Amino acid sequence: MRNSKQYDLEDRTLNFSKDVIKFINNSPGSLTNDEIAKQLVRSSGSVGANYIEANESISKKDFIYIIKICRKESKESRYWLNLILTKEKLEEQRKKLVQESTELMKIFGAIIVKSDK
């Protein structure tokens, strides 16, 4: 049986992806922003999708590998969030998403360290 922390992180990563989508839908459209938005949606969605996959991993080595992908996708999401152009009224939301992606990176990093022992 899974513990509740796994479910909490599954929910948190899902909410991160949903919040990114809402943010993108309110961001100004341009050729550049549209391309950045595509990358951002992919990477933010991959965080949670890979975490779910990690919870179903077949070995400890597999689990650690997939969690490293979660950390990588969180870091990539942060990159795209820092690159996208926003309206002033969306800047606070962008900063919150950057903070969440940073926190997710740290959480996945801690899981890696703990699991690698």
PDB file of N, CA and C in Angstrom:
ATOM      1  N   MET A   1       0.831  -1.188   0.000  1.00  0.00           N
ATOM      2  CA  MET A   1       0.000   0.000   0.000  1.00  0.00           C
ATOM      3  C   MET A   1       0.875   1.250   0.000  1.00  0.00           C
ATOM      4  N   ARG A   2       0.529   2.222  -0.787  1.00  0.00           N
ATOM      5  CA  ARG A   2       1.276   3.478  -0.856  1.00  0.00           C
ATOM      6  C   ARG A   2       1.012   4.311   0.383  1.00  0.00           C
ATOM      7  N   ASN A   3       2.016   5.124   0.746  1.00  0.00           N
ATOM      8  CA  ASN A   3       1.752   6.035   1.859  1.00  0.00           C
ATOM      9  C   ASN A   3       1.182   7.342   1.328  1.00  0.00           C
ATOM     10  N   SER A   4       0.607   8.123   2.225  1.00  0.00           N
ATOM     11  CA  SER A   4      -0.094   9.338   1.802  1.00  0.00           C
ATOM     12  C   SER A   4       0.843  10.389   1.217  1.00  0.00           C
ATOM     13  N   LYS A   5       2.133  10.358   1.579  1.00  0.00           N
ATOM     14  CA  LYS A   5       3.072  11.328   1.023  1.00  0.00           C
ATOM     15  C   LYS A   5       3.182  11.182  -0.492  1.00  0.00           C
ATOM     16  N   GLN A   6       3.145   9.943  -0.985  1.00  0.00           N
ATOM     17  CA  GLN A   6       3.188   9.732  -2.426  1.00  0.00           C
ATOM     18  C   GLN A   6       1.976  10.382  -3.089  1.00  0.00           C
ATOM     19  N   TYR A   7       0.816  10.157  -2.513  1.00  0.00           N
ATOM     20  CA  TYR A   7      -0.383  10.753  -3.080  1.00  0.00           C
ATOM     21  C   TYR A   7      -0.338  12.270  -3.000  1.00  0.00           C
ATOM     22  N   ASP A   8       0.174  12.812  -1.898  1.00  0.00           N
ATOM     23  CA  ASP A   8       0.297  14.257  -1.774  1.00  0.00           C
ATOM     24  C   ASP A   8       1.181  14.822  -2.883  1.00  0.00           C
ATOM     25  N   LEU A   9       2.293  14.162  -3.162  1.00  0.00           N
ATOM     26  CA  LEU A   9       3.198  14.640  -4.208  1.00  0.00           C
ATOM     27  C   LEU A   9       2.595  14.427  -5.596  1.00  0.00           C
ATOM     28  N   GLU A  10       1.823  13.364  -5.758  1.00  0.00           N
ATOM     29  CA  GLU A  10       1.114  13.177  -7.029  1.00  0.00           C
ATOM     30  C   GLU A  10       0.137  14.331  -7.248  1.00  0.00           C
ATOM     31  N   ASP A  11      -0.593  14.685  -6.222  1.00  0.00           N
ATOM     32  CA  ASP A  11      -1.531  15.808  -6.321  1.00  0.00           C
ATOM     33  C   ASP A  11      -0.789  17.120  -6.554  1.00  0.00           C
ATOM     34  N   ARG A  12       0.300  17.295  -5.850  1.00  0.00           N
ATOM     35  CA  ARG A  12       1.068  18.541  -5.972  1.00  0.00           C
ATOM     36  C   ARG A  12       1.625  18.709  -7.380  1.00  0.00           C
ATOM     37  N   THR A  13       2.151  17.635  -7.953  1.00  0.00           N
ATOM     38  CA  THR A  13       2.690  17.736  -9.314  1.00  0.00           C
ATOM     39  C   THR A  13       1.573  17.935 -10.337  1.00  0.00           C
ATOM     40  N   LEU A  14       0.423  17.322 -10.089  1.00  0.00           N
ATOM     41  CA  LEU A  14      -0.725  17.533 -10.975  1.00  0.00           C
ATOM     42  C   LEU A  14      -1.176  18.991 -10.911  1.00  0.00           C
ATOM     43  N   ASN A  15      -1.259  19.533  -9.706  1.00  0.00           N
ATOM     44  CA  ASN A  15      -1.656  20.933  -9.546  1.00  0.00           C
ATOM     45  C   ASN A  15      -0.640  21.882 -10.175  1.00  0.00           C
ATOM     46  N   PHE A  16       0.629  21.535 -10.098  1.00  0.00           N
ATOM     47  CA  PHE A  16       1.663  22.341 -10.745  1.00  0.00           C
ATOM     48  C   PHE A  16       1.399  22.400 -12.249  1.00  0.00           C
ATOM     49  N   SER A  17       1.136  21.252 -12.847  1.00  0.00           N
ATOM     50  CA  SER A  17       0.855  21.209 -14.289  1.00  0.00           C
ATOM     51  C   SER A  17      -0.391  22.004 -14.647  1.00  0.00           C
ATOM     52  N   LYS A  18      -1.434  21.853 -13.850  1.00  0.00           N
ATOM     53  CA  LYS A  18      -2.670  22.599 -14.102  1.00  0.00           C
ATOM     54  C   LYS A  18      -2.444  24.107 -13.974  1.00  0.00           C
ATOM     55  N   ASP A  19      -1.678  24.504 -12.959  1.00  0.00           N
ATOM     56  CA  ASP A  19      -1.389  25.927 -12.764  1.00  0.00           C
ATOM     57  C   ASP A  19      -0.558  26.493 -13.911  1.00  0.00           C
ATOM     58  N   VAL A  20       0.353  25.693 -14.435  1.00  0.00           N
ATOM     59  CA  VAL A  20       1.139  26.124 -15.593  1.00  0.00           C
ATOM     60  C   VAL A  20       0.221  26.317 -16.796  1.00  0.00           C
ATOM     61  N   ILE A  21      -0.698  25.405 -17.003  1.00  0.00           N
ATOM     62  CA  ILE A  21      -1.626  25.513 -18.136  1.00  0.00           C
ATOM     63  C   ILE A  21      -2.477  26.775 -18.012  1.00  0.00           C
ATOM     64  N   LYS A  22      -2.981  27.046 -16.812  1.00  0.00           N
ATOM     65  CA  LYS A  22      -3.773  28.272 -16.593  1.00  0.00           C
ATOM     66  C   LYS A  22      -2.924  29.512 -16.883  1.00  0.00           C
ATOM     67  N   PHE A  23      -1.684  29.474 -16.411  1.00  0.00           N
ATOM     68  CA  PHE A  23      -0.766  30.589 -16.638  1.00  0.00           C
ATOM     69  C   PHE A  23      -0.528  30.799 -18.136  1.00  0.00           C
ATOM     70  N   ILE A  24      -0.285  29.726 -18.858  1.00  0.00           N
ATOM     71  CA  ILE A  24      -0.044  29.791 -20.306  1.00  0.00           C
ATOM     72  C   ILE A  24      -1.267  30.356 -21.019  1.00  0.00           C
ATOM     73  N   ASN A  25      -2.440  29.910 -20.616  1.00  0.00           N
ATOM     74  CA  ASN A  25      -3.664  30.372 -21.263  1.00  0.00           C
ATOM     75  C   ASN A  25      -3.899  31.871 -21.080  1.00  0.00           C
ATOM     76  N   ASN A  26      -3.318  32.455 -20.048  1.00  0.00           N
ATOM     77  CA  ASN A  26      -3.461  33.890 -19.804  1.00  0.00           C
ATOM     78  C   ASN A  26      -2.264  34.707 -20.295  1.00  0.00           C
ATOM     79  N   SER A  27      -1.225  34.021 -20.760  1.00  0.00           N
ATOM     80  CA  SER A  27      -0.016  34.716 -21.221  1.00  0.00           C
ATOM     81  C   SER A  27      -0.211  35.266 -22.626  1.00  0.00           C
ATOM     82  N   PRO A  28       0.501  36.347 -22.933  1.00  0.00           N
ATOM     83  CA  PRO A  28       0.370  36.928 -24.278  1.00  0.00           C
ATOM     84  C   PRO A  28       0.918  35.986 -25.346  1.00  0.00           C
ATOM     85  N   GLY A  29       0.190  35.912 -26.436  1.00  0.00           N
ATOM     86  CA  GLY A  29       0.621  35.063 -27.536  1.00  0.00           C
ATOM     87  C   GLY A  29       1.573  35.807 -28.460  1.00  0.00           C
ATOM     88  N   SER A  30       2.604  35.117 -28.872  1.00  0.00           N
ATOM     89  CA  SER A  30       3.546  35.608 -29.873  1.00  0.00           C
ATOM     90  C   SER A  30       4.256  34.379 -30.415  1.00  0.00           C
ATOM     91  N   LEU A  31       4.951  34.524 -31.491  1.00  0.00           N
ATOM     92  CA  LEU A  31       5.659  33.383 -32.059  1.00  0.00           C
ATOM     93  C   LEU A  31       6.612  32.778 -31.036  1.00  0.00           C
ATOM     94  N   THR A  32       7.357  33.618 -30.358  1.00  0.00           N
ATOM     95  CA  THR A  32       8.327  33.151 -29.372  1.00  0.00           C
ATOM     96  C   THR A  32       7.630  32.536 -28.164  1.00  0.00           C
ATOM     97  N   ASN A  33       6.673  33.254 -27.591  1.00  0.00           N
ATOM     98  CA  ASN A  33       5.974  32.742 -26.410  1.00  0.00           C
ATOM     99  C   ASN A  33       5.242  31.434 -26.692  1.00  0.00           C
ATOM    100  N   ASP A  34       4.698  31.305 -27.892  1.00  0.00           N
ATOM    101  CA  ASP A  34       3.987  30.080 -28.230  1.00  0.00           C
ATOM    102  C   ASP A  34       4.933  28.873 -28.204  1.00  0.00           C
ATOM    103  N   GLU A  35       6.133  29.046 -28.699  1.00  0.00           N
ATOM    104  CA  GLU A  35       7.117  27.952 -28.684  1.00  0.00           C
ATOM    105  C   GLU A  35       7.582  27.643 -27.264  1.00  0.00           C
ATOM    106  N   ILE A  36       7.820  28.679 -26.481  1.00  0.00           N
ATOM    107  CA  ILE A  36       8.212  28.480 -25.083  1.00  0.00           C
ATOM    108  C   ILE A  36       7.080  27.797 -24.323  1.00  0.00           C
ATOM    109  N   ALA A  37       5.847  28.227 -24.586  1.00  0.00           N
ATOM    110  CA  ALA A  37       4.685  27.649 -23.911  1.00  0.00           C
ATOM    111  C   ALA A  37       4.566  26.153 -24.185  1.00  0.00           C
ATOM    112  N   LYS A  38       4.812  25.739 -25.414  1.00  0.00           N
ATOM    113  CA  LYS A  38       4.756  24.313 -25.754  1.00  0.00           C
ATOM    114  C   LYS A  38       5.764  23.523 -24.928  1.00  0.00           C
ATOM    115  N   GLN A  39       6.972  24.041 -24.846  1.00  0.00           N
ATOM    116  CA  GLN A  39       8.017  23.368 -24.063  1.00  0.00           C
ATOM    117  C   GLN A  39       7.642  23.328 -22.579  1.00  0.00           C
ATOM    118  N   LEU A  40       7.098  24.420 -22.082  1.00  0.00           N
ATOM    119  CA  LEU A  40       6.724  24.526 -20.678  1.00  0.00           C
ATOM    120  C   LEU A  40       5.599  23.552 -20.329  1.00  0.00           C
ATOM    121  N   VAL A  41       4.606  23.446 -21.171  1.00  0.00           N
ATOM    122  CA  VAL A  41       3.512  22.505 -20.924  1.00  0.00           C
ATOM    123  C   VAL A  41       4.042  21.078 -20.906  1.00  0.00           C
ATOM    124  N   ARG A  42       4.923  20.756 -21.835  1.00  0.00           N
ATOM    125  CA  ARG A  42       5.492  19.401 -21.880  1.00  0.00           C
ATOM    126  C   ARG A  42       6.297  19.085 -20.626  1.00  0.00           C
ATOM    127  N   SER A  43       7.204  19.978 -20.260  1.00  0.00           N
ATOM    128  CA  SER A  43       8.080  19.686 -19.117  1.00  0.00           C
ATOM    129  C   SER A  43       7.301  19.669 -17.802  1.00  0.00           C
ATOM    130  N   SER A  44       6.361  20.591 -17.624  1.00  0.00           N
ATOM    131  CA  SER A  44       5.595  20.612 -16.372  1.00  0.00           C
ATOM    132  C   SER A  44       4.702  19.378 -16.255  1.00  0.00           C
ATOM    133  N   GLY A  45       4.136  18.934 -17.356  1.00  0.00           N
ATOM    134  CA  GLY A  45       3.326  17.718 -17.341  1.00  0.00           C
ATOM    135  C   GLY A  45       4.149  16.470 -17.100  1.00  0.00           C
ATOM    136  N   SER A  46       5.385  16.483 -17.571  1.00  0.00           N
ATOM    137  CA  SER A  46       6.268  15.331 -17.390  1.00  0.00           C
ATOM    138  C   SER A  46       6.673  15.118 -15.937  1.00  0.00           C
ATOM    139  N   VAL A  47       6.684  16.185 -15.160  1.00  0.00           N
ATOM    140  CA  VAL A  47       7.055  16.051 -13.744  1.00  0.00           C
ATOM    141  C   VAL A  47       6.118  15.052 -13.066  1.00  0.00           C
ATOM    142  N   GLY A  48       4.825  15.312 -13.138  1.00  0.00           N
ATOM    143  CA  GLY A  48       3.856  14.439 -12.482  1.00  0.00           C
ATOM    144  C   GLY A  48       3.728  13.083 -13.135  1.00  0.00           C
ATOM    145  N   ALA A  49       3.760  13.048 -14.460  1.00  0.00           N
ATOM    146  CA  ALA A  49       3.633  11.770 -15.169  1.00  0.00           C
ATOM    147  C   ALA A  49       4.781  10.836 -14.802  1.00  0.00           C
ATOM    148  N   ASN A  50       5.982  11.392 -14.731  1.00  0.00           N
ATOM    149  CA  ASN A  50       7.129  10.564 -14.361  1.00  0.00           C
ATOM    150  C   ASN A  50       7.091  10.167 -12.889  1.00  0.00           C
ATOM    151  N   TYR A  51       6.568  11.030 -12.043  1.00  0.00           N
ATOM    152  CA  TYR A  51       6.464  10.664 -10.631  1.00  0.00           C
ATOM    153  C   TYR A  51       5.503   9.483 -10.448  1.00  0.00           C
ATOM    154  N   ILE A  52       4.390   9.502 -11.153  1.00  0.00           N
ATOM    155  CA  ILE A  52       3.460   8.375 -11.094  1.00  0.00           C
ATOM    156  C   ILE A  52       4.159   7.105 -11.583  1.00  0.00           C
ATOM    157  N   GLU A  53       4.919   7.237 -12.656  1.00  0.00           N
ATOM    158  CA  GLU A  53       5.659   6.089 -13.182  1.00  0.00           C
ATOM    159  C   GLU A  53       6.680   5.586 -12.164  1.00  0.00           C
ATOM    160  N   ALA A  54       7.347   6.499 -11.478  1.00  0.00           N
ATOM    161  CA  ALA A  54       8.340   6.108 -10.470  1.00  0.00           C
ATOM    162  C   ALA A  54       7.694   5.294  -9.356  1.00  0.00           C
ATOM    163  N   ASN A  55       6.476   5.681  -8.968  1.00  0.00           N
ATOM    164  CA  ASN A  55       5.773   4.952  -7.912  1.00  0.00           C
ATOM    165  C   ASN A  55       5.419   3.530  -8.327  1.00  0.00           C
ATOM    166  N   GLU A  56       5.430   3.274  -9.607  1.00  0.00           N
ATOM    167  CA  GLU A  56       5.143   1.935 -10.118  1.00  0.00           C
ATOM    168  C   GLU A  56       6.416   1.237 -10.617  1.00  0.00           C
ATOM    169  N   SER A  57       7.562   1.753 -10.236  1.00  0.00           N
ATOM    170  CA  SER A  57       8.824   1.208 -10.743  1.00  0.00           C
ATOM    171  C   SER A  57       9.025  -0.241 -10.302  1.00  0.00           C
ATOM    172  N   ILE A  58       9.846  -0.936 -11.063  1.00  0.00           N
ATOM    173  CA  ILE A  58      10.056  -2.366 -10.804  1.00  0.00           C
ATOM    174  C   ILE A  58      11.281  -2.648  -9.933  1.00  0.00           C
ATOM    175  N   SER A  59      12.093  -1.640  -9.705  1.00  0.00           N
ATOM    176  CA  SER A  59      13.268  -1.831  -8.858  1.00  0.00           C
ATOM    177  C   SER A  59      13.674  -0.491  -8.245  1.00  0.00           C
ATOM    178  N   LYS A  60      14.524  -0.560  -7.248  1.00  0.00           N
ATOM    179  CA  LYS A  60      15.021   0.659  -6.608  1.00  0.00           C
ATOM    180  C   LYS A  60      15.821   1.496  -7.609  1.00  0.00           C
ATOM    181  N   LYS A  61      16.622   0.829  -8.425  1.00  0.00           N
ATOM    182  CA  LYS A  61      17.419   1.522  -9.437  1.00  0.00           C
ATOM    183  C   LYS A  61      16.517   2.242 -10.439  1.00  0.00           C
ATOM    184  N   ASP A  62      15.469   1.576 -10.854  1.00  0.00           N
ATOM    185  CA  ASP A  62      14.490   2.156 -11.776  1.00  0.00           C
ATOM    186  C   ASP A  62      13.820   3.374 -11.125  1.00  0.00           C
ATOM    187  N   PHE A  63      13.433   3.233  -9.856  1.00  0.00           N
ATOM    188  CA  PHE A  63      12.793   4.322  -9.121  1.00  0.00           C
ATOM    189  C   PHE A  63      13.696   5.554  -9.085  1.00  0.00           C
ATOM    190  N   ILE A  64      14.943   5.363  -8.717  1.00  0.00           N
ATOM    191  CA  ILE A  64      15.883   6.488  -8.619  1.00  0.00           C
ATOM    192  C   ILE A  64      16.072   7.146  -9.977  1.00  0.00           C
ATOM    193  N   TYR A  65      16.199   6.346 -11.017  1.00  0.00           N
ATOM    194  CA  TYR A  65      16.372   6.880 -12.365  1.00  0.00           C
ATOM    195  C   TYR A  65      15.185   7.768 -12.768  1.00  0.00           C
ATOM    196  N   ILE A  66      13.972   7.295 -12.506  1.00  0.00           N
ATOM    197  CA  ILE A  66      12.785   8.056 -12.910  1.00  0.00           C
ATOM    198  C   ILE A  66      12.626   9.308 -12.047  1.00  0.00           C
ATOM    199  N   ILE A  67      12.966   9.219 -10.772  1.00  0.00           N
ATOM    200  CA  ILE A  67      12.913  10.404  -9.912  1.00  0.00           C
ATOM    201  C   ILE A  67      13.922  11.447 -10.406  1.00  0.00           C
ATOM    202  N   LYS A  68      15.053  11.015 -10.908  1.00  0.00           N
ATOM    203  CA  LYS A  68      16.022  11.955 -11.492  1.00  0.00           C
ATOM    204  C   LYS A  68      15.422  12.656 -12.709  1.00  0.00           C
ATOM    205  N   ILE A  69      14.619  11.944 -13.463  1.00  0.00           N
ATOM    206  CA  ILE A  69      13.928  12.566 -14.596  1.00  0.00           C
ATOM    207  C   ILE A  69      12.932  13.601 -14.082  1.00  0.00           C
ATOM    208  N   CYS A  70      12.224  13.294 -12.999  1.00  0.00           N
ATOM    209  CA  CYS A  70      11.295  14.266 -12.391  1.00  0.00           C
ATOM    210  C   CYS A  70      12.036  15.539 -12.010  1.00  0.00           C
ATOM    211  N   ARG A  71      13.198  15.367 -11.396  1.00  0.00           N
ATOM    212  CA  ARG A  71      13.995  16.540 -10.999  1.00  0.00           C
ATOM    213  C   ARG A  71      14.432  17.329 -12.232  1.00  0.00           C
ATOM    214  N   LYS A  72      14.853  16.620 -13.267  1.00  0.00           N
ATOM    215  CA  LYS A  72      15.283  17.268 -14.504  1.00  0.00           C
ATOM    216  C   LYS A  72      14.141  18.041 -15.160  1.00  0.00           C
ATOM    217  N   GLU A  73      12.958  17.462 -15.188  1.00  0.00           N
ATOM    218  CA  GLU A  73      11.796  18.121 -15.790  1.00  0.00           C
ATOM    219  C   GLU A  73      11.359  19.331 -14.962  1.00  0.00           C
ATOM    220  N   SER A  74      11.491  19.250 -13.651  1.00  0.00           N
ATOM    221  CA  SER A  74      11.199  20.405 -12.783  1.00  0.00           C
ATOM    222  C   SER A  74      12.154  21.544 -13.085  1.00  0.00           C
ATOM    223  N   LYS A  75      13.419  21.191 -13.251  1.00  0.00           N
ATOM    224  CA  LYS A  75      14.431  22.205 -13.561  1.00  0.00           C
ATOM    225  C   LYS A  75      14.180  22.814 -14.935  1.00  0.00           C
ATOM    226  N   GLU A  76      13.811  21.990 -15.897  1.00  0.00           N
ATOM    227  CA  GLU A  76      13.504  22.498 -17.232  1.00  0.00           C
ATOM    228  C   GLU A  76      12.288  23.417 -17.197  1.00  0.00           C
ATOM    229  N   SER A  77      11.280  23.055 -16.418  1.00  0.00           N
ATOM    230  CA  SER A  77      10.093  23.905 -16.283  1.00  0.00           C
ATOM    231  C   SER A  77      10.479  25.270 -15.730  1.00  0.00           C
ATOM    232  N   ARG A  78      11.350  25.268 -14.746  1.00  0.00           N
ATOM    233  CA  ARG A  78      11.805  26.534 -14.166  1.00  0.00           C
ATOM    234  C   ARG A  78      12.507  27.382 -15.221  1.00  0.00           C
ATOM    235  N   TYR A  79      13.304  26.754 -16.054  1.00  0.00           N
ATOM    236  CA  TYR A  79      13.995  27.464 -17.124  1.00  0.00           C
ATOM    237  C   TYR A  79      12.999  28.167 -18.048  1.00  0.00           C
ATOM    238  N   TRP A  80      11.988  27.414 -18.519  1.00  0.00           N
ATOM    239  CA  TRP A  80      11.008  27.985 -19.436  1.00  0.00           C
ATOM    240  C   TRP A  80      10.186  29.069 -18.761  1.00  0.00           C
ATOM    241  N   LEU A  81       9.871  28.882 -17.475  1.00  0.00           N
ATOM    242  CA  LEU A  81       9.139  29.919 -16.738  1.00  0.00           C
ATOM    243  C   LEU A  81       9.942  31.208 -16.627  1.00  0.00           C
ATOM    244  N   ASN A  82      11.244  31.072 -16.492  1.00  0.00           N
ATOM    245  CA  ASN A  82      12.095  32.262 -16.422  1.00  0.00           C
ATOM    246  C   ASN A  82      12.274  32.921 -17.785  1.00  0.00           C
ATOM    247  N   LEU A  83      12.036  32.179 -18.848  1.00  0.00           N
ATOM    248  CA  LEU A  83      12.251  32.689 -20.196  1.00  0.00           C
ATOM    249  C   LEU A  83      10.996  33.329 -20.809  1.00  0.00           C
ATOM    250  N   ILE A  84       9.837  32.844 -20.431  1.00  0.00           N
ATOM    251  CA  ILE A  84       8.601  33.306 -21.069  1.00  0.00           C
ATOM    252  C   ILE A  84       8.323  34.775 -20.736  1.00  0.00           C
ATOM    253  N   LEU A  85       7.774  35.479 -21.707  1.00  0.00           N
ATOM    254  CA  LEU A  85       7.402  36.879 -21.516  1.00  0.00           C
ATOM    255  C   LEU A  85       5.982  36.939 -20.967  1.00  0.00           C
ATOM    256  N   THR A  86       5.786  37.779 -19.953  1.00  0.00           N
ATOM    257  CA  THR A  86       4.464  37.860 -19.339  1.00  0.00           C
ATOM    258  C   THR A  86       3.996  39.301 -19.243  1.00  0.00           C
ATOM    259  N   LYS A  87       2.716  39.422 -19.028  1.00  0.00           N
ATOM    260  CA  LYS A  87       2.153  40.727 -18.702  1.00  0.00           C
ATOM    261  C   LYS A  87       2.473  40.994 -17.241  1.00  0.00           C
ATOM    262  N   GLU A  88       2.512  42.259 -16.884  1.00  0.00           N
ATOM    263  CA  GLU A  88       2.837  42.618 -15.501  1.00  0.00           C
ATOM    264  C   GLU A  88       1.891  41.956 -14.499  1.00  0.00           C
ATOM    265  N   LYS A  89       0.614  41.861 -14.862  1.00  0.00           N
ATOM    266  CA  LYS A  89      -0.365  41.279 -13.941  1.00  0.00           C
ATOM    267  C   LYS A  89      -0.149  39.774 -13.725  1.00  0.00           C
ATOM    268  N   LEU A  90       0.615  39.121 -14.593  1.00  0.00           N
ATOM    269  CA  LEU A  90       0.901  37.692 -14.453  1.00  0.00           C
ATOM    270  C   LEU A  90       2.247  37.420 -13.788  1.00  0.00           C
ATOM    271  N   GLU A  91       2.993  38.461 -13.514  1.00  0.00           N
ATOM    272  CA  GLU A  91       4.345  38.282 -12.987  1.00  0.00           C
ATOM    273  C   GLU A  91       4.342  37.566 -11.629  1.00  0.00           C
ATOM    274  N   GLU A  92       3.398  37.884 -10.777  1.00  0.00           N
ATOM    275  CA  GLU A  92       3.322  37.232  -9.464  1.00  0.00           C
ATOM    276  C   GLU A  92       3.039  35.738  -9.614  1.00  0.00           C
ATOM    277  N   GLN A  93       2.148  35.405 -10.523  1.00  0.00           N
ATOM    278  CA  GLN A  93       1.827  33.997 -10.785  1.00  0.00           C
ATOM    279  C   GLN A  93       3.054  33.270 -11.339  1.00  0.00           C
ATOM    280  N   ARG A  94       3.784  33.916 -12.242  1.00  0.00           N
ATOM    281  CA  ARG A  94       4.997  33.310 -12.799  1.00  0.00           C
ATOM    282  C   ARG A  94       6.008  33.039 -11.692  1.00  0.00           C
ATOM    283  N   LYS A  95       6.189  34.002 -10.799  1.00  0.00           N
ATOM    284  CA  LYS A  95       7.143  33.834  -9.697  1.00  0.00           C
ATOM    285  C   LYS A  95       6.743  32.674  -8.782  1.00  0.00           C
ATOM    286  N   LYS A  96       5.445  32.519  -8.542  1.00  0.00           N
ATOM    287  CA  LYS A  96       4.968  31.407  -7.711  1.00  0.00           C
ATOM    288  C   LYS A  96       5.249  30.068  -8.388  1.00  0.00           C
ATOM    289  N   LEU A  97       5.074  30.027  -9.704  1.00  0.00           N
ATOM    290  CA  LEU A  97       5.360  28.794 -10.439  1.00  0.00           C
ATOM    291  C   LEU A  97       6.851  28.489 -10.453  1.00  0.00           C
ATOM    292  N   VAL A  98       7.677  29.509 -10.562  1.00  0.00           N
ATOM    293  CA  VAL A  98       9.133  29.314 -10.478  1.00  0.00           C
ATOM    294  C   VAL A  98       9.488  28.752  -9.106  1.00  0.00           C
ATOM    295  N   GLN A  99       8.878  29.316  -8.059  1.00  0.00           N
ATOM    296  CA  GLN A  99       9.123  28.833  -6.691  1.00  0.00           C
ATOM    297  C   GLN A  99       8.685  27.380  -6.537  1.00  0.00           C
ATOM    298  N   GLU A 100       7.521  27.037  -7.083  1.00  0.00           N
ATOM    299  CA  GLU A 100       7.035  25.665  -6.981  1.00  0.00           C
ATOM    300  C   GLU A 100       7.950  24.702  -7.731  1.00  0.00           C
ATOM    301  N   SER A 101       8.408  25.087  -8.907  1.00  0.00           N
ATOM    302  CA  SER A 101       9.311  24.197  -9.651  1.00  0.00           C
ATOM    303  C   SER A 101      10.621  24.017  -8.886  1.00  0.00           C
ATOM    304  N   THR A 102      11.095  25.061  -8.231  1.00  0.00           N
ATOM    305  CA  THR A 102      12.322  24.969  -7.427  1.00  0.00           C
ATOM    306  C   THR A 102      12.102  24.034  -6.232  1.00  0.00           C
ATOM    307  N   GLU A 103      10.957  24.176  -5.573  1.00  0.00           N
ATOM    308  CA  GLU A 103      10.658  23.301  -4.438  1.00  0.00           C
ATOM    309  C   GLU A 103      10.537  21.847  -4.882  1.00  0.00           C
ATOM    310  N   LEU A 104       9.910  21.616  -6.031  1.00  0.00           N
ATOM    311  CA  LEU A 104       9.807  20.249  -6.550  1.00  0.00           C
ATOM    312  C   LEU A 104      11.191  19.679  -6.854  1.00  0.00           C
ATOM    313  N   MET A 105      12.070  20.494  -7.417  1.00  0.00           N
ATOM    314  CA  MET A 105      13.445  20.044  -7.668  1.00  0.00           C
ATOM    315  C   MET A 105      14.101  19.594  -6.371  1.00  0.00           C
ATOM    316  N   LYS A 106      13.934  20.378  -5.328  1.00  0.00           N
ATOM    317  CA  LYS A 106      14.538  20.058  -4.027  1.00  0.00           C
ATOM    318  C   LYS A 106      13.929  18.795  -3.422  1.00  0.00           C
ATOM    319  N   ILE A 107      12.629  18.652  -3.553  1.00  0.00           N
ATOM    320  CA  ILE A 107      11.965  17.442  -3.037  1.00  0.00           C
ATOM    321  C   ILE A 107      12.494  16.208  -3.752  1.00  0.00           C
ATOM    322  N   PHE A 108      12.557  16.269  -5.078  1.00  0.00           N
ATOM    323  CA  PHE A 108      13.049  15.112  -5.827  1.00  0.00           C
ATOM    324  C   PHE A 108      14.525  14.848  -5.527  1.00  0.00           C
ATOM    325  N   GLY A 109      15.289  15.912  -5.329  1.00  0.00           N
ATOM    326  CA  GLY A 109      16.695  15.739  -4.938  1.00  0.00           C
ATOM    327  C   GLY A 109      16.815  15.033  -3.605  1.00  0.00           C
ATOM    328  N   ALA A 110      15.964  15.397  -2.653  1.00  0.00           N
ATOM    329  CA  ALA A 110      15.979  14.748  -1.336  1.00  0.00           C
ATOM    330  C   ALA A 110      15.553  13.283  -1.440  1.00  0.00           C
ATOM    331  N   ILE A 111      14.577  13.006  -2.292  1.00  0.00           N
ATOM    332  CA  ILE A 111      14.144  11.611  -2.488  1.00  0.00           C
ATOM    333  C   ILE A 111      15.302  10.798  -3.059  1.00  0.00           C
ATOM    334  N   ILE A 112      16.031  11.373  -3.990  1.00  0.00           N
ATOM    335  CA  ILE A 112      17.170  10.680  -4.593  1.00  0.00           C
ATOM    336  C   ILE A 112      18.210  10.353  -3.533  1.00  0.00           C
ATOM    337  N   VAL A 113      18.568  11.350  -2.725  1.00  0.00           N
ATOM    338  CA  VAL A 113      19.578  11.136  -1.682  1.00  0.00           C
ATOM    339  C   VAL A 113      19.119  10.072  -0.699  1.00  0.00           C
ATOM    340  N   LYS A 114      17.874  10.173  -0.261  1.00  0.00           N
ATOM    341  CA  LYS A 114      17.338   9.216   0.707  1.00  0.00           C
ATOM    342  C   LYS A 114      17.262   7.811   0.123  1.00  0.00           C
ATOM    343  N   SER A 115      16.856   7.695  -1.122  1.00  0.00           N
ATOM    344  CA  SER A 115      16.700   6.397  -1.761  1.00  0.00           C
ATOM    345  C   SER A 115      18.018   5.749  -2.140  1.00  0.00           C
ATOM    346  N   ASP A 116      19.030   6.566  -2.324  1.00  0.00           N
ATOM    347  CA  ASP A 116      20.339   6.075  -2.762  1.00  0.00           C
ATOM    348  C   ASP A 116      21.141   5.480  -1.604  1.00  0.00           C
ATOM    349  N   LYS A 117      20.651   5.672  -0.380  1.00  0.00           N
ATOM    350  CA  LYS A 117      21.374   5.139   0.796  1.00  0.00           C
ATOM    351  C   LYS A 117      21.123   3.689   1.003  1.00  0.00           C
TER     352      LYS A 117
END
